[in-house]
Amino acid sequence: MQNLTPLEIQKQTFSRGIKGYNPDEVRAYLHLVAEEIERLVRDNDRLFRETASLREDLADHSNRERILKDTLLSAQKVAEDLTANARKEAELIVKDAEMLAERLVAQAMDRVADIERAIGDLKLERRTMRNKVQGTLDLIQQLVTLDAEQEATEEPITSLFRQRQDMGR
């Protein structure tokens, strides 16, 4: 059977038989059937378009869902990579800081040793200078004492002049 259109149903004619159906009733009924089929065809077309639109929407949503899943997986992978890289970088920073601290402590200890040696050298130099100053002070004291003794035994110049005169006479 072919697809009937509402127009074909309305135009359909039947041969007349003796005591057949009332042609007006048949036409009225065919008209009702044609209108119902026309409504059904419109509904069918509308439903077909809606189904096609919904299928497109479903395909679009499925595509978006796939893209979102891929994006989430990529973001998770990037986050894991960033976390791993951050851990590695933190470990390197800590190792570098520990090495720097060890180097600084070693340099500080070397500096302390240098300062202690310098302090020892300065103490020795101070002792040496103190001994020299003490020796100089002792020498000056002896010279002062000797000068005082000599001054006490010294006669004035005039008496030396008289003694010379007395000798020449």
C-alpha atoms as a PDB file:
ATOM      1  CA  MET A   1       0.000   0.000   0.000  1.00  0.00           C
ATOM      2  CA  GLN A   2       1.176   3.476  -0.844  1.00  0.00           C
ATOM      3  CA  ASN A   3       1.435   6.346   1.577  1.00  0.00           C
ATOM      4  CA  LEU A   4      -1.899   8.077   1.415  1.00  0.00           C
ATOM      5  CA  THR A   5      -2.131  11.805   1.640  1.00  0.00           C
ATOM      6  CA  PRO A   6      -5.136  13.606   3.089  1.00  0.00           C
ATOM      7  CA  LEU A   7      -5.850  15.106  -0.344  1.00  0.00           C
ATOM      8  CA  GLU A   8      -5.963  11.637  -1.984  1.00  0.00           C
ATOM      9  CA  ILE A   9      -8.409  10.461   0.670  1.00  0.00           C
ATOM     10  CA  GLN A  10     -10.656  13.473   0.092  1.00  0.00           C
ATOM     11  CA  LYS A  11     -10.595  12.975  -3.685  1.00  0.00           C
ATOM     12  CA  GLN A  12     -11.183   9.252  -3.507  1.00  0.00           C
ATOM     13  CA  THR A  13     -14.388   8.203  -5.267  1.00  0.00           C
ATOM     14  CA  PHE A  14     -16.171   4.924  -5.120  1.00  0.00           C
ATOM     15  CA  SER A  15     -18.301   3.236  -7.679  1.00  0.00           C
ATOM     16  CA  ARG A  16     -21.934   3.103  -6.892  1.00  0.00           C
ATOM     17  CA  GLY A  17     -23.713   0.004  -6.301  1.00  0.00           C
ATOM     18  CA  ILE A  18     -27.338  -0.659  -5.713  1.00  0.00           C
ATOM     19  CA  LYS A  19     -28.127   0.163  -2.248  1.00  0.00           C
ATOM     20  CA  GLY A  20     -24.561   1.145  -1.487  1.00  0.00           C
ATOM     21  CA  TYR A  21     -23.452   3.501   1.189  1.00  0.00           C
ATOM     22  CA  ASN A  22     -24.784   6.987   1.332  1.00  0.00           C
ATOM     23  CA  PRO A  23     -22.252   8.968  -0.706  1.00  0.00           C
ATOM     24  CA  ASP A  24     -22.544  12.065   1.475  1.00  0.00           C
ATOM     25  CA  GLU A  25     -21.830  10.075   4.636  1.00  0.00           C
ATOM     26  CA  VAL A  26     -18.874   8.335   2.988  1.00  0.00           C
ATOM     27  CA  ARG A  27     -17.502  11.687   1.813  1.00  0.00           C
ATOM     28  CA  ALA A  28     -18.045  13.232   5.276  1.00  0.00           C
ATOM     29  CA  TYR A  29     -16.320  10.276   6.888  1.00  0.00           C
ATOM     30  CA  LEU A  30     -13.474  10.349   4.377  1.00  0.00           C
ATOM     31  CA  HIS A  31     -13.150  14.056   5.064  1.00  0.00           C
ATOM     32  CA  LEU A  32     -12.825  13.325   8.814  1.00  0.00           C
ATOM     33  CA  VAL A  33     -10.310  10.559   8.106  1.00  0.00           C
ATOM     34  CA  ALA A  34      -8.345  12.881   5.815  1.00  0.00           C
ATOM     35  CA  GLU A  35      -8.252  15.588   8.499  1.00  0.00           C
ATOM     36  CA  GLU A  36      -7.124  13.061  11.119  1.00  0.00           C
ATOM     37  CA  ILE A  37      -4.416  11.709   8.812  1.00  0.00           C
ATOM     38  CA  GLU A  38      -3.355  15.267   8.018  1.00  0.00           C
ATOM     39  CA  ARG A  39      -3.055  15.953  11.770  1.00  0.00           C
ATOM     40  CA  LEU A  40      -1.152  12.720  12.271  1.00  0.00           C
ATOM     41  CA  VAL A  41       1.192  13.567   9.377  1.00  0.00           C
ATOM     42  CA  ARG A  42       1.835  17.009  10.866  1.00  0.00           C
ATOM     43  CA  ASP A  43       2.402  15.465  14.305  1.00  0.00           C
ATOM     44  CA  ASN A  44       4.658  12.848  12.750  1.00  0.00           C
ATOM     45  CA  ASP A  45       6.659  15.525  10.901  1.00  0.00           C
ATOM     46  CA  ARG A  46       6.889  17.606  14.070  1.00  0.00           C
ATOM     47  CA  LEU A  47       7.970  14.601  16.120  1.00  0.00           C
ATOM     48  CA  PHE A  48      10.494  13.627  13.431  1.00  0.00           C
ATOM     49  CA  ARG A  49      11.997  17.157  13.521  1.00  0.00           C
ATOM     50  CA  GLU A  50      12.003  17.152  17.333  1.00  0.00           C
ATOM     51  CA  THR A  51      13.661  13.722  17.357  1.00  0.00           C
ATOM     52  CA  ALA A  52      16.278  14.905  14.874  1.00  0.00           C
ATOM     53  CA  SER A  53      16.870  18.040  16.971  1.00  0.00           C
ATOM     54  CA  LEU A  54      17.078  15.989  20.165  1.00  0.00           C
ATOM     55  CA  ARG A  55      19.505  13.578  18.490  1.00  0.00           C
ATOM     56  CA  GLU A  56      21.657  16.540  17.431  1.00  0.00           C
ATOM     57  CA  ASP A  57      21.468  17.923  20.989  1.00  0.00           C
ATOM     58  CA  LEU A  58      22.329  14.498  22.389  1.00  0.00           C
ATOM     59  CA  ALA A  59      25.291  14.178  20.006  1.00  0.00           C
ATOM     60  CA  ASP A  60      26.390  17.711  20.929  1.00  0.00           C
ATOM     61  CA  HIS A  61      26.066  16.976  24.648  1.00  0.00           C
ATOM     62  CA  SER A  62      27.878  13.666  24.237  1.00  0.00           C
ATOM     63  CA  ASN A  63      30.653  15.464  22.376  1.00  0.00           C
ATOM     64  CA  ARG A  64      30.836  18.119  25.098  1.00  0.00           C
ATOM     65  CA  GLU A  65      30.872  15.429  27.776  1.00  0.00           C
ATOM     66  CA  ARG A  66      33.755  13.674  26.009  1.00  0.00           C
ATOM     67  CA  ILE A  67      35.604  17.004  25.702  1.00  0.00           C
ATOM     68  CA  LEU A  68      34.995  17.752  29.402  1.00  0.00           C
ATOM     69  CA  LYS A  69      36.222  14.295  30.409  1.00  0.00           C
ATOM     70  CA  ASP A  70      39.327  14.729  28.254  1.00  0.00           C
ATOM     71  CA  THR A  71      39.860  18.200  29.710  1.00  0.00           C
ATOM     72  CA  LEU A  72      39.458  16.927  33.264  1.00  0.00           C
ATOM     73  CA  LEU A  73      41.898  14.094  32.600  1.00  0.00           C
ATOM     74  CA  SER A  74      44.370  16.549  31.082  1.00  0.00           C
ATOM     75  CA  ALA A  75      43.943  18.942  34.017  1.00  0.00           C
ATOM     76  CA  GLN A  76      44.447  16.078  36.476  1.00  0.00           C
ATOM     77  CA  LYS A  77      47.592  14.983  34.634  1.00  0.00           C
ATOM     78  CA  VAL A  78      48.915  18.578  34.582  1.00  0.00           C
ATOM     79  CA  ALA A  79      48.141  18.937  38.314  1.00  0.00           C
ATOM     80  CA  GLU A  80      49.964  15.680  39.070  1.00  0.00           C
ATOM     81  CA  ASP A  81      52.930  16.773  36.933  1.00  0.00           C
ATOM     82  CA  LEU A  82      53.020  20.187  38.629  1.00  0.00           C
ATOM     83  CA  THR A  83      52.877  18.558  42.060  1.00  0.00           C
ATOM     84  CA  ALA A  84      55.692  16.156  41.175  1.00  0.00           C
ATOM     85  CA  ASN A  85      57.796  18.971  39.714  1.00  0.00           C
ATOM     86  CA  ALA A  86      57.137  21.156  42.757  1.00  0.00           C
ATOM     87  CA  ARG A  87      58.263  18.325  45.061  1.00  0.00           C
ATOM     88  CA  LYS A  88      61.428  17.793  43.039  1.00  0.00           C
ATOM     89  CA  GLU A  89      62.153  21.519  42.989  1.00  0.00           C
ATOM     90  CA  ALA A  90      61.538  21.752  46.742  1.00  0.00           C
ATOM     91  CA  GLU A  91      63.926  18.841  47.343  1.00  0.00           C
ATOM     92  CA  LEU A  92      66.574  20.544  45.200  1.00  0.00           C
ATOM     93  CA  ILE A  93      66.083  23.834  47.035  1.00  0.00           C
ATOM     94  CA  VAL A  94      66.445  22.063  50.399  1.00  0.00           C
ATOM     95  CA  LYS A  95      69.591  20.246  49.227  1.00  0.00           C
ATOM     96  CA  ASP A  96      71.057  23.495  47.893  1.00  0.00           C
ATOM     97  CA  ALA A  97      70.217  25.251  51.168  1.00  0.00           C
ATOM     98  CA  GLU A  98      71.823  22.448  53.182  1.00  0.00           C
ATOM     99  CA  MET A  99      74.962  22.570  51.049  1.00  0.00           C
ATOM    100  CA  LEU A 100      75.094  26.362  51.337  1.00  0.00           C
ATOM    101  CA  ALA A 101      74.620  26.130  55.111  1.00  0.00           C
ATOM    102  CA  GLU A 102      77.433  23.577  55.369  1.00  0.00           C
ATOM    103  CA  ARG A 103      79.682  25.788  53.250  1.00  0.00           C
ATOM    104  CA  LEU A 104      78.830  28.866  55.334  1.00  0.00           C
ATOM    105  CA  VAL A 105      79.472  26.983  58.583  1.00  0.00           C
ATOM    106  CA  ALA A 106      82.828  25.759  57.243  1.00  0.00           C
ATOM    107  CA  GLN A 107      83.752  29.300  56.182  1.00  0.00           C
ATOM    108  CA  ALA A 108      82.691  30.632  59.587  1.00  0.00           C
ATOM    109  CA  MET A 109      84.798  27.990  61.346  1.00  0.00           C
ATOM    110  CA  ASP A 110      87.776  28.896  59.152  1.00  0.00           C
ATOM    111  CA  ARG A 111      87.217  32.565  59.980  1.00  0.00           C
ATOM    112  CA  VAL A 112      87.003  31.751  63.706  1.00  0.00           C
ATOM    113  CA  ALA A 113      90.277  29.819  63.467  1.00  0.00           C
ATOM    114  CA  ASP A 114      91.904  32.773  61.637  1.00  0.00           C
ATOM    115  CA  ILE A 115      90.650  35.204  64.284  1.00  0.00           C
ATOM    116  CA  GLU A 116      91.865  32.964  67.120  1.00  0.00           C
ATOM    117  CA  ARG A 117      95.318  32.776  65.456  1.00  0.00           C
ATOM    118  CA  ALA A 118      95.334  36.556  65.048  1.00  0.00           C
ATOM    119  CA  ILE A 119      94.363  36.991  68.710  1.00  0.00           C
ATOM    120  CA  GLY A 120      97.191  34.631  69.744  1.00  0.00           C
ATOM    121  CA  ASP A 121      99.650  36.575  67.571  1.00  0.00           C
ATOM    122  CA  LEU A 122      98.447  39.889  69.063  1.00  0.00           C
ATOM    123  CA  LYS A 123      98.816  38.529  72.614  1.00  0.00           C
ATOM    124  CA  LEU A 124     102.367  37.440  71.848  1.00  0.00           C
ATOM    125  CA  GLU A 125     103.123  40.819  70.299  1.00  0.00           C
ATOM    126  CA  ARG A 126     101.618  42.576  73.339  1.00  0.00           C
ATOM    127  CA  ARG A 127     103.771  40.477  75.696  1.00  0.00           C
ATOM    128  CA  THR A 128     106.851  41.265  73.617  1.00  0.00           C
ATOM    129  CA  MET A 129     106.056  44.999  73.609  1.00  0.00           C
ATOM    130  CA  ARG A 130     105.351  44.958  77.343  1.00  0.00           C
ATOM    131  CA  ASN A 131     108.746  43.314  77.970  1.00  0.00           C
ATOM    132  CA  LYS A 132     110.464  45.889  75.732  1.00  0.00           C
ATOM    133  CA  VAL A 133     108.692  48.778  77.479  1.00  0.00           C
ATOM    134  CA  GLN A 134     109.576  47.257  80.862  1.00  0.00           C
ATOM    135  CA  GLY A 135     113.186  46.888  79.730  1.00  0.00           C
ATOM    136  CA  THR A 136     113.231  50.500  78.523  1.00  0.00           C
ATOM    137  CA  LEU A 137     111.684  51.679  81.802  1.00  0.00           C
ATOM    138  CA  ASP A 138     114.273  49.710  83.778  1.00  0.00           C
ATOM    139  CA  LEU A 139     117.079  51.225  81.685  1.00  0.00           C
ATOM    140  CA  ILE A 140     115.684  54.746  82.177  1.00  0.00           C
ATOM    141  CA  GLN A 141     115.362  54.068  85.910  1.00  0.00           C
ATOM    142  CA  GLN A 142     118.978  52.972  86.033  1.00  0.00           C
ATOM    143  CA  LEU A 143     120.046  56.027  84.054  1.00  0.00           C
ATOM    144  CA  VAL A 144     118.043  58.302  86.356  1.00  0.00           C
ATOM    145  CA  THR A 145     119.596  56.626  89.398  1.00  0.00           C
ATOM    146  CA  LEU A 146     123.072  56.827  87.920  1.00  0.00           C
ATOM    147  CA  ASP A 147     122.500  60.466  86.972  1.00  0.00           C
ATOM    148  CA  ALA A 148     121.331  61.244  90.479  1.00  0.00           C
ATOM    149  CA  GLU A 149     124.392  59.539  91.976  1.00  0.00           C
ATOM    150  CA  GLN A 150     126.705  61.326  89.587  1.00  0.00           C
ATOM    151  CA  GLU A 151     125.051  64.630  90.297  1.00  0.00           C
ATOM    152  CA  ALA A 152     125.545  64.097  94.006  1.00  0.00           C
ATOM    153  CA  THR A 153     129.272  63.509  93.597  1.00  0.00           C
ATOM    154  CA  GLU A 154     129.860  66.180  91.011  1.00  0.00           C
ATOM    155  CA  GLU A 155     131.575  69.362  91.891  1.00  0.00           C
ATOM    156  CA  PRO A 156     130.618  72.681  90.399  1.00  0.00           C
ATOM    157  CA  ILE A 157     132.554  73.887  87.337  1.00  0.00           C
ATOM    158  CA  THR A 158     134.109  76.742  89.217  1.00  0.00           C
ATOM    159  CA  SER A 159     135.741  74.350  91.606  1.00  0.00           C
ATOM    160  CA  LEU A 160     137.252  72.463  88.671  1.00  0.00           C
ATOM    161  CA  PHE A 161     138.616  75.746  87.332  1.00  0.00           C
ATOM    162  CA  ARG A 162     140.206  76.529  90.693  1.00  0.00           C
ATOM    163  CA  GLN A 163     141.725  73.117  90.919  1.00  0.00           C
ATOM    164  CA  ARG A 164     143.352  73.632  87.600  1.00  0.00           C
ATOM    165  CA  GLN A 165     144.714  76.940  88.655  1.00  0.00           C
ATOM    166  CA  ASP A 166     146.021  75.428  91.793  1.00  0.00           C
ATOM    167  CA  MET A 167     147.820  72.819  89.868  1.00  0.00           C
ATOM    168  CA  GLY A 168     149.409  75.258  87.597  1.00  0.00           C
ATOM    169  CA  ARG A 169     150.833  77.215  90.377  1.00  0.00           C
END
